Amino acid sequence: MTTDTSGLSQLGQHTVQPTTPEEAVLERVPNPHNDTLYLARFTAPEFTSLCPVTGQPDFAHIVIDYAPGEWLVESKSLKIYLTSFRNHGAFHEDCTVAIGKRIADLLQPKWLRIGGYWYPRGGIPIDVFWQTGSAPEGLWLPDQGVPTYRGRG
Protein backbone atom coordinates (compact mmCIF):
# COMPACT_ATOMS: atom_id res chain seq x y z
CA MET A 1 0.00 0.00 0.00
CA THR A 2 1.38 3.42 -0.92
CA THR A 3 0.27 6.78 0.39
CA ASP A 4 -0.46 9.58 -2.03
CA THR A 5 2.00 12.36 -1.20
CA SER A 6 1.68 14.20 -4.50
CA GLY A 7 0.01 17.28 -2.99
CA LEU A 8 2.58 17.79 -0.23
CA SER A 9 4.90 20.78 -0.46
CA GLN A 10 7.26 20.14 2.48
CA LEU A 11 7.93 16.41 2.88
CA GLY A 12 11.31 15.56 1.37
CA GLN A 13 12.02 19.23 0.62
CA HIS A 14 14.10 21.94 2.25
CA THR A 15 11.55 24.05 4.08
CA VAL A 16 12.04 27.61 5.30
CA GLN A 17 10.84 28.13 8.86
CA PRO A 18 7.70 30.33 8.88
CA THR A 19 7.85 33.33 11.21
CA THR A 20 4.22 33.04 12.40
CA PRO A 21 1.68 30.23 12.83
CA GLU A 22 -0.52 31.92 10.21
CA GLU A 23 2.27 31.56 7.61
CA ALA A 24 2.87 27.90 8.46
CA VAL A 25 1.52 25.34 6.00
CA LEU A 26 -0.13 22.43 7.79
CA GLU A 27 -0.62 19.47 5.45
CA ARG A 28 -2.59 16.23 5.47
CA VAL A 29 -2.43 12.84 3.78
CA PRO A 30 -5.15 10.24 3.21
CA ASN A 31 -5.71 7.80 6.07
CA PRO A 32 -5.31 4.25 4.72
CA HIS A 33 -7.27 2.92 7.72
CA ASN A 34 -10.16 5.37 7.81
CA ASP A 35 -12.57 2.51 8.56
CA THR A 36 -10.73 1.75 11.83
CA LEU A 37 -11.16 3.53 15.16
CA TYR A 38 -7.69 4.25 16.57
CA LEU A 39 -5.77 6.96 18.36
CA ALA A 40 -2.71 8.80 17.00
CA ARG A 41 -0.58 10.84 19.40
CA PHE A 42 1.96 13.60 18.83
CA THR A 43 4.05 14.84 21.73
CA ALA A 44 6.03 18.08 21.64
CA PRO A 45 7.94 18.25 24.95
CA GLU A 46 9.96 21.34 23.94
CA PHE A 47 7.23 23.67 22.65
CA THR A 48 8.05 27.38 22.96
CA SER A 49 6.21 30.64 22.38
CA LEU A 50 6.54 34.19 23.69
CA CYS A 51 4.59 36.04 26.34
CA PRO A 52 2.59 38.67 24.41
CA VAL A 53 3.21 41.27 27.12
CA THR A 54 6.84 40.82 28.18
CA GLY A 55 8.27 39.02 25.14
CA GLN A 56 9.86 36.46 27.46
CA PRO A 57 9.88 32.82 26.31
CA ASP A 58 7.28 30.38 27.57
CA PHE A 59 7.76 26.62 27.51
CA ALA A 60 5.24 23.79 27.34
CA HIS A 61 4.85 20.08 26.87
CA ILE A 62 2.10 19.70 24.25
CA VAL A 63 0.26 16.40 23.70
CA ILE A 64 -2.11 16.03 20.74
CA ASP A 65 -4.34 12.95 20.56
CA TYR A 66 -6.72 12.36 17.68
CA ALA A 67 -8.86 9.63 16.20
CA PRO A 68 -8.29 10.02 12.46
CA GLY A 69 -11.09 10.05 9.95
CA GLU A 70 -10.31 10.46 6.25
CA TRP A 71 -7.07 12.36 6.91
CA LEU A 72 -3.80 12.16 8.84
CA VAL A 73 -1.66 15.17 9.69
CA GLU A 74 1.67 15.09 7.85
CA SER A 75 4.21 15.06 10.66
CA LYS A 76 6.92 17.28 9.14
CA SER A 77 4.37 20.02 8.51
CA LEU A 78 3.12 19.62 12.10
CA LYS A 79 6.67 20.00 13.46
CA ILE A 80 7.23 23.12 11.38
CA TYR A 81 3.82 24.52 12.40
CA LEU A 82 4.57 23.99 16.10
CA THR A 83 8.01 25.57 15.71
CA SER A 84 6.40 28.64 14.12
CA PHE A 85 5.15 29.60 17.59
CA ARG A 86 8.74 30.15 18.75
CA ASN A 87 8.58 33.91 18.00
CA HIS A 88 4.80 34.23 18.34
CA GLY A 89 3.38 36.20 21.24
CA ALA A 90 0.23 34.67 22.72
CA PHE A 91 -1.10 33.53 26.06
CA HIS A 92 -0.95 29.84 26.97
CA GLU A 93 -4.68 29.34 26.48
CA ASP A 94 -4.60 30.93 23.03
CA CYS A 95 -1.65 28.84 21.80
CA THR A 96 -3.09 25.55 23.02
CA VAL A 97 -6.64 26.03 21.76
CA ALA A 98 -5.50 27.57 18.44
CA ILE A 99 -3.31 24.54 17.71
CA GLY A 100 -6.14 22.15 18.49
CA LYS A 101 -8.66 24.06 16.37
CA ARG A 102 -6.30 24.40 13.39
CA ILE A 103 -5.60 20.66 13.32
CA ALA A 104 -9.29 19.81 13.82
CA ASP A 105 -10.32 22.17 11.00
CA LEU A 106 -7.76 20.63 8.64
CA LEU A 107 -8.38 16.97 9.42
CA GLN A 108 -12.01 16.80 10.54
CA PRO A 109 -11.03 13.87 12.80
CA LYS A 110 -13.48 11.58 14.55
CA TRP A 111 -12.19 13.17 17.75
CA LEU A 112 -9.27 15.33 18.93
CA ARG A 113 -7.92 16.55 22.24
CA ILE A 114 -4.90 18.66 23.11
CA GLY A 115 -3.19 19.10 26.45
CA GLY A 116 -0.89 22.05 26.97
CA TYR A 117 1.22 21.52 30.08
CA TRP A 118 2.89 24.91 30.57
CA TYR A 119 5.84 25.45 32.83
CA PRO A 120 5.39 28.04 35.61
CA ARG A 121 5.37 31.72 34.78
CA GLY A 122 5.30 34.08 37.72
CA GLY A 123 5.13 31.09 40.05
CA ILE A 124 1.91 29.73 38.52
CA PRO A 125 1.85 26.77 36.13
CA ILE A 126 -1.00 26.80 33.62
CA ASP A 127 -2.38 23.62 32.06
CA VAL A 128 -4.79 24.03 29.15
CA PHE A 129 -7.03 21.27 27.77
CA TRP A 130 -9.38 21.33 24.77
CA GLN A 131 -11.23 18.66 22.83
CA THR A 132 -13.72 18.49 19.99
CA GLY A 133 -16.36 16.62 22.02
CA SER A 134 -16.81 13.26 23.70
CA ALA A 135 -14.40 10.52 22.74
CA PRO A 136 -15.95 7.87 20.47
CA GLU A 137 -17.14 4.77 22.30
CA GLY A 138 -14.54 2.03 22.18
CA LEU A 139 -11.58 4.36 21.55
CA TRP A 140 -8.55 3.35 23.61
CA LEU A 141 -7.68 6.57 25.37
CA PRO A 142 -4.44 6.32 27.36
CA ASP A 143 -3.43 8.95 29.88
CA GLN A 144 -1.40 11.74 28.27
CA GLY A 145 1.51 10.79 30.51
CA VAL A 146 2.39 14.28 31.69
CA PRO A 147 2.07 14.82 35.44
CA THR A 148 0.48 18.03 36.57
CA TYR A 149 2.87 20.51 38.15
CA ARG A 150 3.79 19.82 41.74
CA GLY A 151 5.57 22.45 43.74
CA ARG A 152 6.75 22.19 47.32
CA GLY A 153 3.33 23.14 48.74
C-alpha atoms as a PDB file:
ATOM      1  CA  MET A   1       0.000   0.000   0.000  1.00  0.00           C
ATOM      2  CA  THR A   2       1.384   3.424  -0.922  1.00  0.00           C
ATOM      3  CA  THR A   3       0.268   6.776   0.395  1.00  0.00           C
ATOM      4  CA  ASP A   4      -0.461   9.578  -2.032  1.00  0.00           C
ATOM      5  CA  THR A   5       2.004  12.355  -1.196  1.00  0.00           C
ATOM      6  CA  SER A   6       1.685  14.195  -4.502  1.00  0.00           C
ATOM      7  CA  GLY A   7       0.013  17.275  -2.992  1.00  0.00           C
ATOM      8  CA  LEU A   8       2.578  17.788  -0.231  1.00  0.00           C
ATOM      9  CA  SER A   9       4.902  20.776  -0.459  1.00  0.00           C
ATOM     10  CA  GLN A  10       7.258  20.141   2.479  1.00  0.00           C
ATOM     11  CA  LEU A  11       7.933  16.414   2.883  1.00  0.00           C
ATOM     12  CA  GLY A  12      11.311  15.561   1.369  1.00  0.00           C
ATOM     13  CA  GLN A  13      12.021  19.227   0.625  1.00  0.00           C
ATOM     14  CA  HIS A  14      14.103  21.945   2.251  1.00  0.00           C
ATOM     15  CA  THR A  15      11.549  24.055   4.078  1.00  0.00           C
ATOM     16  CA  VAL A  16      12.039  27.613   5.297  1.00  0.00           C
ATOM     17  CA  GLN A  17      10.838  28.134   8.859  1.00  0.00           C
ATOM     18  CA  PRO A  18       7.696  30.332   8.884  1.00  0.00           C
ATOM     19  CA  THR A  19       7.847  33.329  11.207  1.00  0.00           C
ATOM     20  CA  THR A  20       4.215  33.043  12.405  1.00  0.00           C
ATOM     21  CA  PRO A  21       1.680  30.233  12.830  1.00  0.00           C
ATOM     22  CA  GLU A  22      -0.522  31.917  10.207  1.00  0.00           C
ATOM     23  CA  GLU A  23       2.274  31.557   7.613  1.00  0.00           C
ATOM     24  CA  ALA A  24       2.874  27.899   8.457  1.00  0.00           C
ATOM     25  CA  VAL A  25       1.516  25.341   5.999  1.00  0.00           C
ATOM     26  CA  LEU A  26      -0.127  22.428   7.787  1.00  0.00           C
ATOM     27  CA  GLU A  27      -0.624  19.467   5.454  1.00  0.00           C
ATOM     28  CA  ARG A  28      -2.591  16.230   5.466  1.00  0.00           C
ATOM     29  CA  VAL A  29      -2.425  12.841   3.784  1.00  0.00           C
ATOM     30  CA  PRO A  30      -5.149  10.241   3.212  1.00  0.00           C
ATOM     31  CA  ASN A  31      -5.709   7.798   6.071  1.00  0.00           C
ATOM     32  CA  PRO A  32      -5.306   4.248   4.721  1.00  0.00           C
ATOM     33  CA  HIS A  33      -7.268   2.915   7.722  1.00  0.00           C
ATOM     34  CA  ASN A  34     -10.157   5.369   7.814  1.00  0.00           C
ATOM     35  CA  ASP A  35     -12.574   2.512   8.565  1.00  0.00           C
ATOM     36  CA  THR A  36     -10.734   1.747  11.832  1.00  0.00           C
ATOM     37  CA  LEU A  37     -11.155   3.527  15.160  1.00  0.00           C
ATOM     38  CA  TYR A  38      -7.694   4.250  16.569  1.00  0.00           C
ATOM     39  CA  LEU A  39      -5.768   6.962  18.363  1.00  0.00           C
ATOM     40  CA  ALA A  40      -2.712   8.804  17.000  1.00  0.00           C
ATOM     41  CA  ARG A  41      -0.579  10.836  19.400  1.00  0.00           C
ATOM     42  CA  PHE A  42       1.955  13.602  18.826  1.00  0.00           C
ATOM     43  CA  THR A  43       4.046  14.843  21.735  1.00  0.00           C
ATOM     44  CA  ALA A  44       6.033  18.078  21.642  1.00  0.00           C
ATOM     45  CA  PRO A  45       7.944  18.250  24.945  1.00  0.00           C
ATOM     46  CA  GLU A  46       9.957  21.336  23.940  1.00  0.00           C
ATOM     47  CA  PHE A  47       7.231  23.672  22.654  1.00  0.00           C
ATOM     48  CA  THR A  48       8.052  27.377  22.956  1.00  0.00           C
ATOM     49  CA  SER A  49       6.214  30.637  22.382  1.00  0.00           C
ATOM     50  CA  LEU A  50       6.535  34.186  23.692  1.00  0.00           C
ATOM     51  CA  CYS A  51       4.593  36.039  26.341  1.00  0.00           C
ATOM     52  CA  PRO A  52       2.593  38.669  24.407  1.00  0.00           C
ATOM     53  CA  VAL A  53       3.207  41.274  27.118  1.00  0.00           C
ATOM     54  CA  THR A  54       6.840  40.818  28.176  1.00  0.00           C
ATOM     55  CA  GLY A  55       8.274  39.016  25.141  1.00  0.00           C
ATOM     56  CA  GLN A  56       9.859  36.457  27.462  1.00  0.00           C
ATOM     57  CA  PRO A  57       9.884  32.819  26.306  1.00  0.00           C
ATOM     58  CA  ASP A  58       7.283  30.379  27.568  1.00  0.00           C
ATOM     59  CA  PHE A  59       7.758  26.619  27.514  1.00  0.00           C
ATOM     60  CA  ALA A  60       5.240  23.792  27.343  1.00  0.00           C
ATOM     61  CA  HIS A  61       4.852  20.078  26.868  1.00  0.00           C
ATOM     62  CA  ILE A  62       2.098  19.699  24.254  1.00  0.00           C
ATOM     63  CA  VAL A  63       0.264  16.401  23.697  1.00  0.00           C
ATOM     64  CA  ILE A  64      -2.110  16.031  20.741  1.00  0.00           C
ATOM     65  CA  ASP A  65      -4.342  12.953  20.556  1.00  0.00           C
ATOM     66  CA  TYR A  66      -6.722  12.361  17.680  1.00  0.00           C
ATOM     67  CA  ALA A  67      -8.861   9.628  16.201  1.00  0.00           C
ATOM     68  CA  PRO A  68      -8.286  10.024  12.459  1.00  0.00           C
ATOM     69  CA  GLY A  69     -11.093  10.052   9.946  1.00  0.00           C
ATOM     70  CA  GLU A  70     -10.307  10.463   6.248  1.00  0.00           C
ATOM     71  CA  TRP A  71      -7.066  12.358   6.905  1.00  0.00           C
ATOM     72  CA  LEU A  72      -3.799  12.158   8.843  1.00  0.00           C
ATOM     73  CA  VAL A  73      -1.660  15.168   9.691  1.00  0.00           C
ATOM     74  CA  GLU A  74       1.669  15.091   7.846  1.00  0.00           C
ATOM     75  CA  SER A  75       4.212  15.057  10.661  1.00  0.00           C
ATOM     76  CA  LYS A  76       6.916  17.281   9.141  1.00  0.00           C
ATOM     77  CA  SER A  77       4.370  20.016   8.510  1.00  0.00           C
ATOM     78  CA  LEU A  78       3.125  19.623  12.100  1.00  0.00           C
ATOM     79  CA  LYS A  79       6.666  19.996  13.460  1.00  0.00           C
ATOM     80  CA  ILE A  80       7.225  23.122  11.381  1.00  0.00           C
ATOM     81  CA  TYR A  81       3.821  24.517  12.398  1.00  0.00           C
ATOM     82  CA  LEU A  82       4.572  23.989  16.098  1.00  0.00           C
ATOM     83  CA  THR A  83       8.013  25.566  15.706  1.00  0.00           C
ATOM     84  CA  SER A  84       6.403  28.642  14.119  1.00  0.00           C
ATOM     85  CA  PHE A  85       5.146  29.604  17.589  1.00  0.00           C
ATOM     86  CA  ARG A  86       8.738  30.153  18.751  1.00  0.00           C
ATOM     87  CA  ASN A  87       8.575  33.908  17.995  1.00  0.00           C
ATOM     88  CA  HIS A  88       4.798  34.234  18.342  1.00  0.00           C
ATOM     89  CA  GLY A  89       3.375  36.198  21.242  1.00  0.00           C
ATOM     90  CA  ALA A  90       0.228  34.666  22.720  1.00  0.00           C
ATOM     91  CA  PHE A  91      -1.100  33.525  26.057  1.00  0.00           C
ATOM     92  CA  HIS A  92      -0.952  29.836  26.967  1.00  0.00           C
ATOM     93  CA  GLU A  93      -4.677  29.336  26.480  1.00  0.00           C
ATOM     94  CA  ASP A  94      -4.601  30.930  23.025  1.00  0.00           C
ATOM     95  CA  CYS A  95      -1.654  28.842  21.804  1.00  0.00           C
ATOM     96  CA  THR A  96      -3.089  25.550  23.024  1.00  0.00           C
ATOM     97  CA  VAL A  97      -6.638  26.031  21.758  1.00  0.00           C
ATOM     98  CA  ALA A  98      -5.501  27.575  18.441  1.00  0.00           C
ATOM     99  CA  ILE A  99      -3.306  24.543  17.709  1.00  0.00           C
ATOM    100  CA  GLY A 100      -6.142  22.152  18.486  1.00  0.00           C
ATOM    101  CA  LYS A 101      -8.655  24.063  16.366  1.00  0.00           C
ATOM    102  CA  ARG A 102      -6.303  24.396  13.391  1.00  0.00           C
ATOM    103  CA  ILE A 103      -5.600  20.658  13.322  1.00  0.00           C
ATOM    104  CA  ALA A 104      -9.290  19.814  13.822  1.00  0.00           C
ATOM    105  CA  ASP A 105     -10.319  22.166  11.005  1.00  0.00           C
ATOM    106  CA  LEU A 106      -7.764  20.632   8.636  1.00  0.00           C
ATOM    107  CA  LEU A 107      -8.382  16.970   9.417  1.00  0.00           C
ATOM    108  CA  GLN A 108     -12.007  16.801  10.543  1.00  0.00           C
ATOM    109  CA  PRO A 109     -11.028  13.872  12.796  1.00  0.00           C
ATOM    110  CA  LYS A 110     -13.478  11.584  14.548  1.00  0.00           C
ATOM    111  CA  TRP A 111     -12.186  13.167  17.746  1.00  0.00           C
ATOM    112  CA  LEU A 112      -9.267  15.333  18.925  1.00  0.00           C
ATOM    113  CA  ARG A 113      -7.915  16.548  22.238  1.00  0.00           C
ATOM    114  CA  ILE A 114      -4.900  18.664  23.107  1.00  0.00           C
ATOM    115  CA  GLY A 115      -3.191  19.095  26.446  1.00  0.00           C
ATOM    116  CA  GLY A 116      -0.887  22.053  26.974  1.00  0.00           C
ATOM    117  CA  TYR A 117       1.218  21.524  30.083  1.00  0.00           C
ATOM    118  CA  TRP A 118       2.895  24.907  30.565  1.00  0.00           C
ATOM    119  CA  TYR A 119       5.843  25.454  32.828  1.00  0.00           C
ATOM    120  CA  PRO A 120       5.388  28.041  35.615  1.00  0.00           C
ATOM    121  CA  ARG A 121       5.370  31.720  34.779  1.00  0.00           C
ATOM    122  CA  GLY A 122       5.296  34.081  37.723  1.00  0.00           C
ATOM    123  CA  GLY A 123       5.129  31.086  40.046  1.00  0.00           C
ATOM    124  CA  ILE A 124       1.905  29.731  38.519  1.00  0.00           C
ATOM    125  CA  PRO A 125       1.852  26.769  36.132  1.00  0.00           C
ATOM    126  CA  ILE A 126      -0.999  26.804  33.623  1.00  0.00           C
ATOM    127  CA  ASP A 127      -2.376  23.620  32.061  1.00  0.00           C
ATOM    128  CA  VAL A 128      -4.791  24.035  29.153  1.00  0.00           C
ATOM    129  CA  PHE A 129      -7.030  21.275  27.771  1.00  0.00           C
ATOM    130  CA  TRP A 130      -9.382  21.332  24.766  1.00  0.00           C
ATOM    131  CA  GLN A 131     -11.234  18.663  22.826  1.00  0.00           C
ATOM    132  CA  THR A 132     -13.723  18.492  19.991  1.00  0.00           C
ATOM    133  CA  GLY A 133     -16.361  16.622  22.021  1.00  0.00           C
ATOM    134  CA  SER A 134     -16.808  13.265  23.700  1.00  0.00           C
ATOM    135  CA  ALA A 135     -14.397  10.517  22.740  1.00  0.00           C
ATOM    136  CA  PRO A 136     -15.953   7.872  20.475  1.00  0.00           C
ATOM    137  CA  GLU A 137     -17.144   4.766  22.299  1.00  0.00           C
ATOM    138  CA  GLY A 138     -14.543   2.029  22.179  1.00  0.00           C
ATOM    139  CA  LEU A 139     -11.580   4.359  21.551  1.00  0.00           C
ATOM    140  CA  TRP A 140      -8.549   3.346  23.614  1.00  0.00           C
ATOM    141  CA  LEU A 141      -7.684   6.572  25.374  1.00  0.00           C
ATOM    142  CA  PRO A 142      -4.441   6.324  27.363  1.00  0.00           C
ATOM    143  CA  ASP A 143      -3.432   8.950  29.882  1.00  0.00           C
ATOM    144  CA  GLN A 144      -1.401  11.737  28.271  1.00  0.00           C
ATOM    145  CA  GLY A 145       1.513  10.792  30.507  1.00  0.00           C
ATOM    146  CA  VAL A 146       2.386  14.280  31.692  1.00  0.00           C
ATOM    147  CA  PRO A 147       2.068  14.817  35.443  1.00  0.00           C
ATOM    148  CA  THR A 148       0.477  18.033  36.573  1.00  0.00           C
ATOM    149  CA  TYR A 149       2.868  20.510  38.149  1.00  0.00           C
ATOM    150  CA  ARG A 150       3.790  19.817  41.735  1.00  0.00           C
ATOM    151  CA  GLY A 151       5.574  22.446  43.739  1.00  0.00           C
ATOM    152  CA  ARG A 152       6.748  22.188  47.321  1.00  0.00           C
ATOM    153  CA  GLY A 153       3.332  23.142  48.742  1.00  0.00           C
END
